[in-house]
Amino acid sequence: MKRLAVFLIVTLSMLALSACNTVHGLGQDIEKAGEAISGAAKK
């Protein structure tokens, strides 16, 4: 039972960390797209 709990905690931690990186990368992509749109609007 203890091994199962440790396995689940490690697995959930890895999923949570990978999700954070994904959301962070998505935020950067959206920011760059906004800058490109803003730059095009200024022209």
PDB file of N, CA and C in Angstrom:
ATOM      1  N   MET A   1       0.831  -1.201   0.000  1.00  0.00           N
ATOM      2  CA  MET A   1       0.000   0.000   0.000  1.00  0.00           C
ATOM      3  C   MET A   1       0.869   1.256   0.000  1.00  0.00           C
ATOM      4  N   LYS A   2       1.959   1.215   0.751  1.00  0.00           N
ATOM      5  CA  LYS A   2       2.845   2.376   0.835  1.00  0.00           C
ATOM      6  C   LYS A   2       3.493   2.654  -0.530  1.00  0.00           C
ATOM      7  N   ARG A   3       3.875   1.586  -1.227  1.00  0.00           N
ATOM      8  CA  ARG A   3       4.487   1.766  -2.548  1.00  0.00           C
ATOM      9  C   ARG A   3       3.504   2.388  -3.530  1.00  0.00           C
ATOM     10  N   LEU A   4       2.263   1.965  -3.450  1.00  0.00           N
ATOM     11  CA  LEU A   4       1.231   2.513  -4.334  1.00  0.00           C
ATOM     12  C   LEU A   4       1.034   4.006  -4.063  1.00  0.00           C
ATOM     13  N   ALA A   5       1.025   4.379  -2.805  1.00  0.00           N
ATOM     14  CA  ALA A   5       0.856   5.793  -2.455  1.00  0.00           C
ATOM     15  C   ALA A   5       2.020   6.620  -2.976  1.00  0.00           C
ATOM     16  N   VAL A   6       3.239   6.119  -2.812  1.00  0.00           N
ATOM     17  CA  VAL A   6       4.420   6.837  -3.299  1.00  0.00           C
ATOM     18  C   VAL A   6       4.372   6.944  -4.819  1.00  0.00           C
ATOM     19  N   PHE A   7       3.997   5.874  -5.483  1.00  0.00           N
ATOM     20  CA  PHE A   7       3.898   5.878  -6.941  1.00  0.00           C
ATOM     21  C   PHE A   7       2.884   6.913  -7.415  1.00  0.00           C
ATOM     22  N   LEU A   8       1.728   6.958  -6.769  1.00  0.00           N
ATOM     23  CA  LEU A   8       0.696   7.915  -7.158  1.00  0.00           C
ATOM     24  C   LEU A   8       1.147   9.350  -6.916  1.00  0.00           C
ATOM     25  N   ILE A   9       1.801   9.596  -5.807  1.00  0.00           N
ATOM     26  CA  ILE A   9       2.284  10.948  -5.512  1.00  0.00           C
ATOM     27  C   ILE A   9       3.319  11.394  -6.540  1.00  0.00           C
ATOM     28  N   VAL A  10       4.246  10.514  -6.863  1.00  0.00           N
ATOM     29  CA  VAL A  10       5.280  10.855  -7.856  1.00  0.00           C
ATOM     30  C   VAL A  10       4.647  11.088  -9.225  1.00  0.00           C
ATOM     31  N   THR A  11       3.726  10.233  -9.616  1.00  0.00           N
ATOM     32  CA  THR A  11       3.070  10.367 -10.916  1.00  0.00           C
ATOM     33  C   THR A  11       2.278  11.671 -11.007  1.00  0.00           C
ATOM     34  N   LEU A  12       1.513  11.973  -9.974  1.00  0.00           N
ATOM     35  CA  LEU A  12       0.728  13.212  -9.984  1.00  0.00           C
ATOM     36  C   LEU A  12       1.627  14.440  -9.972  1.00  0.00           C
ATOM     37  N   SER A  13       2.741  14.361  -9.267  1.00  0.00           N
ATOM     38  CA  SER A  13       3.683  15.484  -9.247  1.00  0.00           C
ATOM     39  C   SER A  13       4.269  15.731 -10.633  1.00  0.00           C
ATOM     40  N   MET A  14       4.632  14.658 -11.310  1.00  0.00           N
ATOM     41  CA  MET A  14       5.199  14.806 -12.656  1.00  0.00           C
ATOM     42  C   MET A  14       4.166  15.394 -13.613  1.00  0.00           C
ATOM     43  N   LEU A  15       2.930  14.962 -13.511  1.00  0.00           N
ATOM     44  CA  LEU A  15       1.879  15.498 -14.372  1.00  0.00           C
ATOM     45  C   LEU A  15       1.633  16.977 -14.087  1.00  0.00           C
ATOM     46  N   ALA A  16       1.632  17.332 -12.817  1.00  0.00           N
ATOM     47  CA  ALA A  16       1.407  18.729 -12.447  1.00  0.00           C
ATOM     48  C   ALA A  16       2.534  19.618 -12.963  1.00  0.00           C
ATOM     49  N   LEU A  17       3.771  19.153 -12.841  1.00  0.00           N
ATOM     50  CA  LEU A  17       4.904  19.954 -13.309  1.00  0.00           C
ATOM     51  C   LEU A  17       4.899  20.094 -14.827  1.00  0.00           C
ATOM     52  N   SER A  18       4.554  19.040 -15.529  1.00  0.00           N
ATOM     53  CA  SER A  18       4.513  19.131 -16.990  1.00  0.00           C
ATOM     54  C   SER A  18       3.382  20.048 -17.430  1.00  0.00           C
ATOM     55  N   ALA A  19       2.285  20.058 -16.713  1.00  0.00           N
ATOM     56  CA  ALA A  19       1.169  20.948 -17.044  1.00  0.00           C
ATOM     57  C   ALA A  19       1.566  22.402 -16.837  1.00  0.00           C
ATOM     58  N   CYS A  20       2.333  22.671 -15.788  1.00  0.00           N
ATOM     59  CA  CYS A  20       2.785  24.043 -15.544  1.00  0.00           C
ATOM     60  C   CYS A  20       3.635  24.537 -16.708  1.00  0.00           C
ATOM     61  N   ASN A  21       4.536  23.689 -17.191  1.00  0.00           N
ATOM     62  CA  ASN A  21       5.382  24.089 -18.308  1.00  0.00           C
ATOM     63  C   ASN A  21       4.554  24.309 -19.559  1.00  0.00           C
ATOM     64  N   THR A  22       3.551  23.505 -19.766  1.00  0.00           N
ATOM     65  CA  THR A  22       2.699  23.642 -20.943  1.00  0.00           C
ATOM     66  C   THR A  22       1.927  24.962 -20.892  1.00  0.00           C
ATOM     67  N   VAL A  23       1.356  25.268 -19.752  1.00  0.00           N
ATOM     68  CA  VAL A  23       0.588  26.505 -19.609  1.00  0.00           C
ATOM     69  C   VAL A  23       1.517  27.709 -19.742  1.00  0.00           C
ATOM     70  N   HIS A  24       2.710  27.617 -19.185  1.00  0.00           N
ATOM     71  CA  HIS A  24       3.674  28.714 -19.288  1.00  0.00           C
ATOM     72  C   HIS A  24       4.055  28.945 -20.750  1.00  0.00           C
ATOM     73  N   GLY A  25       4.308  27.879 -21.482  1.00  0.00           N
ATOM     74  CA  GLY A  25       4.657  27.997 -22.896  1.00  0.00           C
ATOM     75  C   GLY A  25       3.507  28.559 -23.713  1.00  0.00           C
ATOM     76  N   LEU A  26       2.304  28.151 -23.388  1.00  0.00           N
ATOM     77  CA  LEU A  26       1.125  28.666 -24.084  1.00  0.00           C
ATOM     78  C   LEU A  26       0.984  30.166 -23.840  1.00  0.00           C
ATOM     79  N   GLY A  27       1.228  30.590 -22.614  1.00  0.00           N
ATOM     80  CA  GLY A  27       1.170  32.014 -22.280  1.00  0.00           C
ATOM     81  C   GLY A  27       2.179  32.814 -23.082  1.00  0.00           C
ATOM     82  N   GLN A  28       3.374  32.281 -23.232  1.00  0.00           N
ATOM     83  CA  GLN A  28       4.407  32.968 -24.022  1.00  0.00           C
ATOM     84  C   GLN A  28       3.990  33.061 -25.485  1.00  0.00           C
ATOM     85  N   ASP A  29       3.421  31.986 -26.025  1.00  0.00           N
ATOM     86  CA  ASP A  29       2.974  31.998 -27.422  1.00  0.00           C
ATOM     87  C   ASP A  29       1.880  33.039 -27.641  1.00  0.00           C
ATOM     88  N   ILE A  30       0.939  33.111 -26.717  1.00  0.00           N
ATOM     89  CA  ILE A  30      -0.147  34.089 -26.836  1.00  0.00           C
ATOM     90  C   ILE A  30       0.406  35.508 -26.740  1.00  0.00           C
ATOM     91  N   GLU A  31       1.378  35.704 -25.856  1.00  0.00           N
ATOM     92  CA  GLU A  31       1.986  37.033 -25.716  1.00  0.00           C
ATOM     93  C   GLU A  31       2.689  37.451 -27.006  1.00  0.00           C
ATOM     94  N   LYS A  32       3.427  36.535 -27.626  1.00  0.00           N
ATOM     95  CA  LYS A  32       4.121  36.850 -28.876  1.00  0.00           C
ATOM     96  C   LYS A  32       3.132  37.149 -29.999  1.00  0.00           C
ATOM     97  N   ALA A  33       2.039  36.396 -30.042  1.00  0.00           N
ATOM     98  CA  ALA A  33       1.018  36.646 -31.063  1.00  0.00           C
ATOM     99  C   ALA A  33       0.388  38.018 -30.856  1.00  0.00           C
ATOM    100  N   GLY A  34       0.148  38.388 -29.602  1.00  0.00           N
ATOM    101  CA  GLY A  34      -0.403  39.709 -29.298  1.00  0.00           C
ATOM    102  C   GLY A  34       0.539  40.821 -29.708  1.00  0.00           C
ATOM    103  N   GLU A  35       1.823  40.618 -29.486  1.00  0.00           N
ATOM    104  CA  GLU A  35       2.808  41.623 -29.895  1.00  0.00           C
ATOM    105  C   GLU A  35       2.834  41.768 -31.412  1.00  0.00           C
ATOM    106  N   ALA A  36       2.740  40.643 -32.124  1.00  0.00           N
ATOM    107  CA  ALA A  36       2.734  40.702 -33.590  1.00  0.00           C
ATOM    108  C   ALA A  36       1.502  41.424 -34.108  1.00  0.00           C
ATOM    109  N   ILE A  37       0.350  41.162 -33.499  1.00  0.00           N
ATOM    110  CA  ILE A  37      -0.876  41.837 -33.919  1.00  0.00           C
ATOM    111  C   ILE A  37      -0.790  43.320 -33.609  1.00  0.00           C
ATOM    112  N   SER A  38      -0.250  43.646 -32.445  1.00  0.00           N
ATOM    113  CA  SER A  38      -0.112  45.034 -32.050  1.00  0.00           C
ATOM    114  C   SER A  38       0.848  45.776 -32.991  1.00  0.00           C
ATOM    115  N   GLY A  39       1.928  45.115 -33.360  1.00  0.00           N
ATOM    116  CA  GLY A  39       2.890  45.714 -34.281  1.00  0.00           C
ATOM    117  C   GLY A  39       2.282  45.943 -35.650  1.00  0.00           C
ATOM    118  N   ALA A  40       1.475  45.002 -36.111  1.00  0.00           N
ATOM    119  CA  ALA A  40       0.832  45.142 -37.421  1.00  0.00           C
ATOM    120  C   ALA A  40      -0.206  46.259 -37.392  1.00  0.00           C
ATOM    121  N   ALA A  41      -0.868  46.440 -36.274  1.00  0.00           N
ATOM    122  CA  ALA A  41      -1.887  47.483 -36.155  1.00  0.00           C
ATOM    123  C   ALA A  41      -1.260  48.872 -36.153  1.00  0.00           C
ATOM    124  N   LYS A  42      -0.040  48.988 -35.658  1.00  0.00           N
ATOM    125  CA  LYS A  42       0.633  50.292 -35.604  1.00  0.00           C
ATOM    126  C   LYS A  42       1.079  50.753 -36.985  1.00  0.00           C
ATOM    127  N   LYS A  43       1.266  49.820 -37.921  1.00  0.00           N
ATOM    128  CA  LYS A  43       1.718  50.175 -39.262  1.00  0.00           C
ATOM    129  C   LYS A  43       0.625  50.760 -40.016  1.00  0.00           C
TER     130      LYS A  43
END
